[in-house]
């Protein structure tokens, strides 16, 4: 009798899982229609079905907000670093121009042409230095964002999300759209309630995520 009851419970669990999978798949298919046609063609029924399976236990819905939050913090930090560098460069330029102006005002008229040439050369040297530092900063930002993207890809791959693996090729755009689908599906759960997607107690998005907008990575 106990064996029979256990069998019935297992069948009931399978049925609930199938229902949740179907509801998630249906929601994903609806969201895909909002994407450009070029990406709709890449998101086949099989790919969306695999994505729905990965979302069943709710783990991915807990991972994605953390992934996006870290991405936003890093982007903000890098942006502020670049702003500080630009501010430092403006100060350097202004200080050098002020110095040149004071020297030229105090010099003898016949020395002015020579000073102007020398000062122009100093400005060019400073300009070259600034361009080199800006290039180094931009390269640092690119490398840091690439590392963060790779971390996100690896995290979602380990979570079993189909289509995610470490890559820098055009597949990255598809991954961005998959991440956007997950985010929108989570927002839909926040707005309509998890019961409407048949997720029962498996999916409990953090309340803070219901009131803020996320973005991919692009990042």
Protein backbone atom coordinates (compact mmCIF):
# COMPACT_ATOMS: atom_id res chain seq x y z
CA UNK A 1 0.00 0.00 0.00
CA UNK A 2 2.79 2.39 0.93
CA UNK A 3 4.55 1.54 -2.33
CA UNK A 4 1.36 2.30 -4.26
CA UNK A 5 0.90 5.64 -2.43
CA UNK A 6 4.50 6.53 -3.17
CA UNK A 7 3.98 5.73 -6.82
CA UNK A 8 0.91 7.94 -6.97
CA UNK A 9 2.81 10.80 -5.33
CA UNK A 10 5.63 10.41 -7.83
CA UNK A 11 3.16 10.51 -10.70
CA UNK A 12 1.55 13.63 -9.20
CA UNK A 13 4.96 15.31 -8.88
CA UNK A 14 5.78 14.50 -12.48
CA UNK A 15 2.44 15.92 -13.58
CA UNK A 16 3.04 19.14 -11.64
CA UNK A 17 6.52 19.44 -13.13
CA UNK A 18 5.13 18.96 -16.63
CA UNK A 19 2.47 21.60 -16.00
CA UNK A 20 5.04 24.10 -14.69
CA UNK A 21 7.30 23.33 -17.64
CA UNK A 22 4.47 23.94 -20.10
CA UNK A 23 3.47 27.22 -18.43
CA UNK A 24 7.07 28.47 -18.40
CA UNK A 25 7.53 27.45 -22.02
CA UNK A 26 4.30 29.20 -23.00
CA UNK A 27 5.41 32.38 -21.21
CA UNK A 28 8.82 32.27 -22.91
CA UNK A 29 7.22 31.81 -26.33
CA UNK A 30 5.10 34.87 -25.67
CA UNK A 31 8.13 36.95 -24.64
CA UNK A 32 10.15 35.83 -27.66
CA UNK A 33 7.64 37.59 -29.91
CA UNK A 34 8.92 40.90 -28.52
CA UNK A 35 12.44 40.23 -29.81
CA UNK A 36 13.74 41.10 -33.31
CA UNK A 37 12.91 38.52 -35.98
CA UNK A 38 16.59 37.62 -36.40
CA UNK A 39 16.71 36.36 -32.81
CA UNK A 40 13.27 34.77 -32.88
CA UNK A 41 14.56 32.43 -35.58
CA UNK A 42 17.45 31.35 -33.35
CA UNK A 43 15.21 30.63 -30.36
CA UNK A 44 13.72 27.36 -31.49
CA UNK A 45 11.06 25.39 -29.62
CA UNK A 46 13.73 22.96 -28.40
CA UNK A 47 15.96 25.75 -27.10
CA UNK A 48 13.07 27.41 -25.27
CA UNK A 49 11.95 24.06 -23.87
CA UNK A 50 15.47 23.44 -22.52
CA UNK A 51 15.47 26.93 -21.00
CA UNK A 52 12.11 26.28 -19.34
CA UNK A 53 13.49 23.05 -17.85
CA UNK A 54 16.46 24.97 -16.41
CA UNK A 55 14.05 27.43 -14.78
CA UNK A 56 11.81 24.83 -13.15
CA UNK A 57 13.37 24.68 -9.68
CA UNK A 58 13.73 28.47 -9.39
CA UNK A 59 17.50 28.44 -8.87
CA UNK A 60 18.22 30.47 -12.00
CA UNK A 61 15.72 33.12 -10.91
CA UNK A 62 17.80 33.57 -7.76
CA UNK A 63 21.10 33.66 -9.65
CA UNK A 64 20.16 36.21 -12.34
CA UNK A 65 19.44 39.18 -10.00
CA UNK A 66 22.79 38.66 -8.30
CA UNK A 67 24.57 38.40 -11.63
CA UNK A 68 22.96 41.62 -12.85
CA UNK A 69 23.61 43.46 -9.58
CA UNK A 70 27.32 42.62 -9.71
CA UNK A 71 27.43 43.70 -13.35
CA UNK A 72 25.84 47.05 -12.53
CA UNK A 73 28.22 47.66 -9.62
CA UNK A 74 31.25 46.94 -11.80
CA UNK A 75 29.94 49.11 -14.64
CA UNK A 76 29.31 51.97 -12.21
CA UNK A 77 32.78 51.61 -10.69
CA UNK A 78 34.49 51.59 -14.09
CA UNK A 79 32.42 54.55 -15.26
CA UNK A 80 33.39 56.54 -12.16
CA UNK A 81 37.04 55.65 -12.66
CA UNK A 82 36.92 57.01 -16.20
CA UNK A 83 35.17 60.19 -15.04
CA UNK A 84 37.88 60.74 -12.41
CA UNK A 85 40.59 60.30 -15.03
CA UNK A 86 38.89 62.77 -17.36
CA UNK A 87 38.60 65.26 -14.48
CA UNK A 88 42.31 64.86 -13.66
CA UNK A 89 43.16 65.46 -17.32
CA UNK A 90 41.10 68.64 -17.42
CA UNK A 91 42.91 69.91 -14.32
CA UNK A 92 46.29 69.14 -15.88
CA UNK A 93 45.41 70.93 -19.11
CA UNK A 94 44.05 73.96 -17.29
CA UNK A 95 47.05 74.14 -14.95
CA UNK A 96 49.49 74.02 -17.87
CA UNK A 97 47.58 76.67 -19.82
CA UNK A 98 47.48 78.91 -16.75
CA UNK A 99 51.22 78.47 -16.25
CA UNK A 100 51.90 79.31 -19.89
CA UNK A 101 49.71 82.40 -19.72
CA UNK A 102 51.50 83.71 -16.63
CA UNK A 103 54.94 83.11 -18.15
CA UNK A 104 53.99 84.75 -21.44
CA UNK A 105 52.54 87.79 -19.68
CA UNK A 106 55.74 88.26 -17.70
CA UNK A 107 58.22 87.71 -20.55
CA UNK A 108 59.85 90.28 -22.82
CA UNK A 109 58.00 90.77 -26.13
CA UNK A 110 60.93 89.53 -28.19
CA UNK A 111 60.95 86.25 -26.21
CA UNK A 112 57.23 85.60 -26.76
CA UNK A 113 57.47 83.71 -30.12
CA UNK A 114 60.05 81.29 -28.71
CA UNK A 115 57.97 80.72 -25.59
CA UNK A 116 54.83 80.11 -27.62
CA UNK A 117 56.57 77.40 -29.64
CA UNK A 118 57.92 75.76 -26.49
CA UNK A 119 54.55 75.94 -24.78
CA UNK A 120 52.81 74.43 -27.79
CA UNK A 121 55.23 71.53 -27.65
CA UNK A 122 54.48 71.05 -23.96
CA UNK A 123 50.77 70.99 -24.72
CA UNK A 124 51.32 68.37 -27.42
CA UNK A 125 53.37 66.22 -25.04
CA UNK A 126 50.63 66.48 -22.42
CA UNK A 127 48.00 65.66 -25.04
CA UNK A 128 49.91 62.54 -26.03
CA UNK A 129 50.21 61.50 -22.37
CA UNK A 130 46.49 62.02 -21.85
CA UNK A 131 45.58 59.98 -24.93
CA UNK A 132 47.83 57.14 -23.75
CA UNK A 133 46.23 57.14 -20.29
CA UNK A 134 42.72 57.24 -21.76
CA UNK A 135 43.56 54.36 -24.08
CA UNK A 136 44.94 52.36 -21.15
CA UNK A 137 41.79 53.08 -19.11
CA UNK A 138 39.47 52.10 -21.96
CA UNK A 139 41.41 48.89 -22.51
CA UNK A 140 41.20 48.12 -18.79
CA UNK A 141 37.43 48.65 -18.92
CA UNK A 142 37.07 46.35 -21.93
CA UNK A 143 39.10 43.58 -20.28
CA UNK A 144 37.22 43.92 -17.00
CA UNK A 145 33.83 43.75 -18.73
CA UNK A 146 34.98 40.76 -20.81
CA UNK A 147 36.00 38.98 -17.60
CA UNK A 148 32.65 39.76 -16.02
CA UNK A 149 30.78 38.46 -19.07
CA UNK A 150 32.84 35.25 -18.92
CA UNK A 151 31.98 34.91 -15.21
CA UNK A 152 28.28 35.32 -16.00
CA UNK A 153 28.45 32.79 -18.82
CA UNK A 154 30.23 30.27 -16.60
CA UNK A 155 27.79 30.78 -13.72
CA UNK A 156 24.73 30.26 -15.90
CA UNK A 157 26.33 27.31 -17.68
CA UNK A 158 26.94 25.63 -14.30
CA UNK A 159 23.30 26.36 -13.41
CA UNK A 160 22.29 24.30 -16.45
CA UNK A 161 20.93 27.15 -18.59
CA UNK A 162 20.98 25.95 -22.19
CA UNK A 163 22.91 28.19 -24.59
CA UNK A 164 25.33 29.56 -22.01
CA UNK A 165 29.04 28.87 -22.16
CA UNK A 166 32.14 31.06 -22.23
CA UNK A 167 32.40 32.69 -25.66
CA UNK A 168 33.10 36.04 -27.32
CA UNK A 169 31.63 35.21 -30.73
CA UNK A 170 28.21 36.31 -32.07
CA UNK A 171 26.63 33.67 -29.81
CA UNK A 172 27.03 36.31 -27.10
CA UNK A 173 24.11 38.30 -28.52
CA UNK A 174 21.90 35.23 -28.30
CA UNK A 175 22.93 34.77 -24.68
CA UNK A 176 22.06 38.39 -23.96
CA UNK A 177 18.58 37.80 -25.34
CA UNK A 178 18.19 34.61 -23.29
CA UNK A 179 19.18 36.56 -20.19
CA UNK A 180 16.67 39.25 -21.10
CA UNK A 181 13.95 36.60 -21.44
CA UNK A 182 14.74 35.29 -17.96
CA UNK A 183 14.68 38.81 -16.53
CA UNK A 184 11.35 39.65 -18.18
CA UNK A 185 9.86 36.35 -17.07
CA UNK A 186 10.93 37.15 -13.52
CA UNK A 187 9.39 40.62 -13.76
CA UNK A 188 6.18 39.08 -15.05
CA UNK A 189 6.20 36.85 -11.99
CA UNK A 190 6.62 39.91 -9.77
CA UNK A 191 3.75 41.73 -11.42
CA UNK A 192 1.27 38.90 -11.89
CA UNK A 193 2.22 36.65 -8.98
CA UNK A 194 4.10 33.38 -9.10
CA UNK A 195 0.90 31.33 -9.01
CA UNK A 196 -0.09 32.61 -12.44
CA UNK A 197 2.93 30.85 -13.92
CA UNK A 198 2.22 27.66 -12.01
CA UNK A 199 5.45 27.91 -10.08
CA UNK A 200 3.97 27.19 -6.69
CA UNK A 201 6.56 27.63 -3.98
CA UNK A 202 9.55 26.91 -6.18
CA UNK A 203 10.08 30.45 -7.44
CA UNK A 204 10.35 33.28 -4.93
CA UNK A 205 12.01 36.33 -6.57
CA UNK A 206 13.47 38.89 -4.13
CA UNK A 207 10.99 41.72 -3.59
CA UNK A 208 13.64 44.32 -4.41
CA UNK A 209 13.82 42.97 -7.95
CA UNK A 210 10.18 43.79 -8.59
CA UNK A 211 10.78 47.51 -8.42
CA UNK A 212 14.04 47.98 -10.32
CA UNK A 213 15.03 47.53 -13.92
CA UNK A 214 17.87 45.23 -14.90
CA UNK A 215 19.97 45.09 -18.04
CA UNK A 216 22.26 42.38 -19.66
CA UNK A 217 25.65 42.86 -20.16
CA UNK A 218 25.61 44.01 -21.19
CA UNK A 219 27.31 44.96 -19.51
